Amino acid sequence: MTAWALPEQHPIPADHPIPDPASLHNYYAANRHLQRALACYHRHDPAALAWAEHYLYEWGGVCARQVAPLYDAAKRNPPTLKTHDRRGERVDELTFHPAYHELERLAYGSGIASMCNRPGFRGLLGPARNWTSSPPCTFSSRPRAASAALSP
């Protein structure tokens, strides 16, 4: 019987296009490809670019310092389902690690979860979808015409 071993690890070069998340203090500041794409997308609207860069820089820091460690804790401690109590009665109770609740607080408390549907988000005049000229947030990946054709 042969022993199984992990493959040899090679050092990652400093100029690698994908930075090591563990060493980052700000995900947006480290992502030069996203910065270039954003600048290209908003090349005719410097106000929208300034707003987006400020917001993404702020959230890039929050994600690196707070969200990433909470995500790791939540991933290591998945929710547990308790189906019955000690008397055998059905309870169907989910218990979440505190990291899940803190992640919810960060996402919902900051407004990021509803930014595309709520006017006035972080000083914008309309919903955030207006500054990107993108379609409204939907839960369907199908185009509207396909969704309408499939509706009864």
C-alpha atoms as a PDB file:
ATOM      1  CA  MET A   1       0.000   0.000   0.000  1.00  0.00           C
ATOM      2  CA  THR A   2       1.492   3.333  -1.015  1.00  0.00           C
ATOM      3  CA  ALA A   3       1.145   6.474   1.046  1.00  0.00           C
ATOM      4  CA  TRP A   4      -0.669   9.364  -0.545  1.00  0.00           C
ATOM      5  CA  ALA A   5       1.035  12.769  -0.387  1.00  0.00           C
ATOM      6  CA  LEU A   6       0.077  16.281  -1.369  1.00  0.00           C
ATOM      7  CA  PRO A   7       1.792  17.607  -4.492  1.00  0.00           C
ATOM      8  CA  GLU A   8       4.787  19.823  -3.924  1.00  0.00           C
ATOM      9  CA  GLN A   9       3.804  23.469  -3.391  1.00  0.00           C
ATOM     10  CA  HIS A  10       5.511  26.064  -5.556  1.00  0.00           C
ATOM     11  CA  PRO A  11       5.870  29.687  -4.441  1.00  0.00           C
ATOM     12  CA  ILE A  12       3.470  32.083  -6.138  1.00  0.00           C
ATOM     13  CA  PRO A  13       5.282  34.884  -7.969  1.00  0.00           C
ATOM     14  CA  ALA A  14       4.700  38.400  -6.655  1.00  0.00           C
ATOM     15  CA  ASP A  15       3.382  39.601 -10.036  1.00  0.00           C
ATOM     16  CA  HIS A  16       0.749  36.846 -10.301  1.00  0.00           C
ATOM     17  CA  PRO A  17      -2.535  38.327 -11.660  1.00  0.00           C
ATOM     18  CA  ILE A  18      -4.576  36.756  -8.853  1.00  0.00           C
ATOM     19  CA  PRO A  19      -3.301  38.033  -5.499  1.00  0.00           C
ATOM     20  CA  ASP A  20      -3.266  35.882  -2.380  1.00  0.00           C
ATOM     21  CA  PRO A  21      -6.470  36.772  -0.470  1.00  0.00           C
ATOM     22  CA  ALA A  22      -4.874  36.044   2.900  1.00  0.00           C
ATOM     23  CA  SER A  23      -2.391  38.889   2.450  1.00  0.00           C
ATOM     24  CA  LEU A  24      -4.849  41.517   1.225  1.00  0.00           C
ATOM     25  CA  HIS A  25      -6.124  44.481   3.185  1.00  0.00           C
ATOM     26  CA  ASN A  26      -8.473  45.623   0.430  1.00  0.00           C
ATOM     27  CA  TYR A  27      -9.838  43.369  -2.316  1.00  0.00           C
ATOM     28  CA  TYR A  28     -10.746  46.225  -4.649  1.00  0.00           C
ATOM     29  CA  ALA A  29      -7.344  47.917  -4.344  1.00  0.00           C
ATOM     30  CA  ALA A  30      -5.665  44.595  -5.218  1.00  0.00           C
ATOM     31  CA  ASN A  31      -7.865  43.906  -8.258  1.00  0.00           C
ATOM     32  CA  ARG A  32      -6.350  46.005 -11.030  1.00  0.00           C
ATOM     33  CA  HIS A  33      -8.424  44.197 -13.671  1.00  0.00           C
ATOM     34  CA  LEU A  34     -11.675  45.254 -12.012  1.00  0.00           C
ATOM     35  CA  GLN A  35     -10.355  48.812 -11.684  1.00  0.00           C
ATOM     36  CA  ARG A  36      -9.539  48.928 -15.398  1.00  0.00           C
ATOM     37  CA  ALA A  37     -12.890  47.424 -16.387  1.00  0.00           C
ATOM     38  CA  LEU A  38     -14.751  49.912 -14.201  1.00  0.00           C
ATOM     39  CA  ALA A  39     -12.794  52.835 -15.671  1.00  0.00           C
ATOM     40  CA  CYS A  40     -13.552  51.608 -19.191  1.00  0.00           C
ATOM     41  CA  TYR A  41     -17.245  51.102 -18.421  1.00  0.00           C
ATOM     42  CA  HIS A  42     -17.616  54.595 -16.891  1.00  0.00           C
ATOM     43  CA  ARG A  43     -15.229  56.392 -19.254  1.00  0.00           C
ATOM     44  CA  HIS A  44     -17.922  58.921 -20.208  1.00  0.00           C
ATOM     45  CA  ASP A  45     -19.259  59.468 -16.691  1.00  0.00           C
ATOM     46  CA  PRO A  46     -16.545  60.539 -14.244  1.00  0.00           C
ATOM     47  CA  ALA A  47     -19.084  61.128 -11.447  1.00  0.00           C
ATOM     48  CA  ALA A  48     -20.344  57.539 -11.685  1.00  0.00           C
ATOM     49  CA  LEU A  49     -16.750  56.269 -11.773  1.00  0.00           C
ATOM     50  CA  ALA A  50     -15.841  58.285  -8.678  1.00  0.00           C
ATOM     51  CA  TRP A  51     -18.925  57.031  -6.828  1.00  0.00           C
ATOM     52  CA  ALA A  52     -18.283  53.392  -7.791  1.00  0.00           C
ATOM     53  CA  GLU A  53     -14.563  53.538  -6.976  1.00  0.00           C
ATOM     54  CA  HIS A  54     -15.207  55.071  -3.566  1.00  0.00           C
ATOM     55  CA  TYR A  55     -17.882  52.502  -2.761  1.00  0.00           C
ATOM     56  CA  LEU A  56     -15.880  49.514  -4.017  1.00  0.00           C
ATOM     57  CA  TYR A  57     -12.745  50.664  -2.202  1.00  0.00           C
ATOM     58  CA  GLU A  58     -14.717  50.921   1.033  1.00  0.00           C
ATOM     59  CA  TRP A  59     -16.332  47.505   0.560  1.00  0.00           C
ATOM     60  CA  GLY A  60     -13.052  45.958  -0.592  1.00  0.00           C
ATOM     61  CA  GLY A  61     -11.639  46.815   2.822  1.00  0.00           C
ATOM     62  CA  VAL A  62     -14.692  45.543   4.687  1.00  0.00           C
ATOM     63  CA  CYS A  63     -14.564  42.266   2.755  1.00  0.00           C
ATOM     64  CA  ALA A  64     -10.858  41.724   3.410  1.00  0.00           C
ATOM     65  CA  ARG A  65     -10.966  42.614   7.112  1.00  0.00           C
ATOM     66  CA  GLN A  66     -14.408  41.387   8.194  1.00  0.00           C
ATOM     67  CA  VAL A  67     -16.252  39.304   5.598  1.00  0.00           C
ATOM     68  CA  ALA A  68     -13.403  36.921   4.690  1.00  0.00           C
ATOM     69  CA  PRO A  69     -12.727  35.743   8.276  1.00  0.00           C
ATOM     70  CA  LEU A  70     -16.461  35.429   8.946  1.00  0.00           C
ATOM     71  CA  TYR A  71     -16.899  33.450   5.732  1.00  0.00           C
ATOM     72  CA  ASP A  72     -14.129  31.075   6.778  1.00  0.00           C
ATOM     73  CA  ALA A  73     -15.764  30.551  10.186  1.00  0.00           C
ATOM     74  CA  ALA A  74     -19.192  30.012   8.602  1.00  0.00           C
ATOM     75  CA  LYS A  75     -17.737  27.546   6.107  1.00  0.00           C
ATOM     76  CA  ARG A  76     -16.064  25.536   8.886  1.00  0.00           C
ATOM     77  CA  ASN A  77     -19.280  25.538  10.944  1.00  0.00           C
ATOM     78  CA  PRO A  78     -22.251  24.816   8.670  1.00  0.00           C
ATOM     79  CA  PRO A  79     -25.823  25.123   9.959  1.00  0.00           C
ATOM     80  CA  THR A  80     -27.112  22.151  11.920  1.00  0.00           C
ATOM     81  CA  LEU A  81     -30.605  20.725  11.692  1.00  0.00           C
ATOM     82  CA  LYS A  82     -32.307  19.413  14.791  1.00  0.00           C
ATOM     83  CA  THR A  83     -35.296  17.369  13.660  1.00  0.00           C
ATOM     84  CA  HIS A  84     -36.625  16.171  17.042  1.00  0.00           C
ATOM     85  CA  ASP A  85     -36.480  17.356  20.626  1.00  0.00           C
ATOM     86  CA  ARG A  86     -35.571  15.090  23.579  1.00  0.00           C
ATOM     87  CA  ARG A  87     -39.150  13.763  23.802  1.00  0.00           C
ATOM     88  CA  GLY A  88     -39.182  12.743  20.140  1.00  0.00           C
ATOM     89  CA  GLU A  89     -41.411  15.629  19.039  1.00  0.00           C
ATOM     90  CA  ARG A  90     -40.707  17.040  15.587  1.00  0.00           C
ATOM     91  CA  VAL A  91     -39.103  20.517  15.822  1.00  0.00           C
ATOM     92  CA  ASP A  92     -37.152  21.094  12.541  1.00  0.00           C
ATOM     93  CA  GLU A  93     -34.865  23.716  14.031  1.00  0.00           C
ATOM     94  CA  LEU A  94     -31.849  25.166  12.232  1.00  0.00           C
ATOM     95  CA  THR A  95     -28.956  26.468  14.297  1.00  0.00           C
ATOM     96  CA  PHE A  96     -26.467  28.831  12.676  1.00  0.00           C
ATOM     97  CA  HIS A  97     -22.964  29.749  13.774  1.00  0.00           C
ATOM     98  CA  PRO A  98     -22.736  33.406  14.916  1.00  0.00           C
ATOM     99  CA  ALA A  99     -20.603  34.166  11.833  1.00  0.00           C
ATOM    100  CA  TYR A 100     -23.701  33.661   9.648  1.00  0.00           C
ATOM    101  CA  HIS A 101     -25.603  36.288  11.613  1.00  0.00           C
ATOM    102  CA  GLU A 102     -22.706  38.739  11.451  1.00  0.00           C
ATOM    103  CA  LEU A 103     -22.453  38.263   7.677  1.00  0.00           C
ATOM    104  CA  GLU A 104     -26.179  38.990   7.394  1.00  0.00           C
ATOM    105  CA  ARG A 105     -25.764  42.097   9.527  1.00  0.00           C
ATOM    106  CA  LEU A 106     -22.965  43.377   7.305  1.00  0.00           C
ATOM    107  CA  ALA A 107     -24.844  42.728   4.050  1.00  0.00           C
ATOM    108  CA  TYR A 108     -28.332  43.799   5.070  1.00  0.00           C
ATOM    109  CA  GLY A 109     -27.316  46.492   7.555  1.00  0.00           C
ATOM    110  CA  SER A 110     -25.189  48.269   4.968  1.00  0.00           C
ATOM    111  CA  GLY A 111     -27.934  48.201   2.347  1.00  0.00           C
ATOM    112  CA  ILE A 112     -25.832  46.323  -0.187  1.00  0.00           C
ATOM    113  CA  ALA A 113     -28.461  43.575  -0.456  1.00  0.00           C
ATOM    114  CA  SER A 114     -31.118  46.046  -1.646  1.00  0.00           C
ATOM    115  CA  MET A 115     -29.028  48.664  -3.442  1.00  0.00           C
ATOM    116  CA  CYS A 116     -30.459  47.895  -6.878  1.00  0.00           C
ATOM    117  CA  ASN A 117     -34.062  48.276  -5.733  1.00  0.00           C
ATOM    118  CA  ARG A 118     -33.975  51.204  -3.312  1.00  0.00           C
ATOM    119  CA  PRO A 119     -33.681  54.849  -4.401  1.00  0.00           C
ATOM    120  CA  GLY A 120     -31.237  57.028  -2.535  1.00  0.00           C
ATOM    121  CA  PHE A 121     -28.632  54.348  -1.799  1.00  0.00           C
ATOM    122  CA  ARG A 122     -25.464  56.117  -0.631  1.00  0.00           C
ATOM    123  CA  GLY A 123     -26.499  59.438  -2.142  1.00  0.00           C
ATOM    124  CA  LEU A 124     -27.676  58.183  -5.529  1.00  0.00           C
ATOM    125  CA  LEU A 125     -30.801  59.813  -6.905  1.00  0.00           C
ATOM    126  CA  GLY A 126     -32.307  56.506  -8.056  1.00  0.00           C
ATOM    127  CA  PRO A 127     -31.634  52.836  -7.432  1.00  0.00           C
ATOM    128  CA  ALA A 128     -28.014  51.781  -7.940  1.00  0.00           C
ATOM    129  CA  ARG A 129     -28.912  49.996 -11.162  1.00  0.00           C
ATOM    130  CA  ASN A 130     -29.353  53.435 -12.785  1.00  0.00           C
ATOM    131  CA  TRP A 131     -25.673  54.340 -12.466  1.00  0.00           C
ATOM    132  CA  THR A 132     -24.599  51.166 -14.240  1.00  0.00           C
ATOM    133  CA  SER A 133     -27.304  51.198 -16.945  1.00  0.00           C
ATOM    134  CA  SER A 134     -27.790  47.526 -16.195  1.00  0.00           C
ATOM    135  CA  PRO A 135     -31.140  45.752 -16.108  1.00  0.00           C
ATOM    136  CA  PRO A 136     -32.864  45.516 -12.741  1.00  0.00           C
ATOM    137  CA  CYS A 137     -31.765  42.794 -10.345  1.00  0.00           C
ATOM    138  CA  THR A 138     -33.731  39.628 -10.931  1.00  0.00           C
ATOM    139  CA  PHE A 139     -33.657  36.118  -9.587  1.00  0.00           C
ATOM    140  CA  SER A 140     -33.883  34.626 -13.071  1.00  0.00           C
ATOM    141  CA  SER A 141     -30.968  34.214 -15.413  1.00  0.00           C
ATOM    142  CA  ARG A 142     -33.363  33.941 -18.387  1.00  0.00           C
ATOM    143  CA  PRO A 143     -33.947  37.004 -20.568  1.00  0.00           C
ATOM    144  CA  ARG A 144     -37.275  38.739 -20.059  1.00  0.00           C
ATOM    145  CA  ALA A 145     -38.635  37.591 -23.437  1.00  0.00           C
ATOM    146  CA  ALA A 146     -37.869  33.969 -22.557  1.00  0.00           C
ATOM    147  CA  SER A 147     -39.447  34.395 -19.127  1.00  0.00           C
ATOM    148  CA  ALA A 148     -42.589  35.890 -20.656  1.00  0.00           C
ATOM    149  CA  ALA A 149     -42.811  33.090 -23.222  1.00  0.00           C
ATOM    150  CA  LEU A 150     -42.646  30.474 -20.476  1.00  0.00           C
ATOM    151  CA  SER A 151     -45.275  32.150 -18.302  1.00  0.00           C
ATOM    152  CA  PRO A 152     -48.806  30.666 -18.515  1.00  0.00           C
END
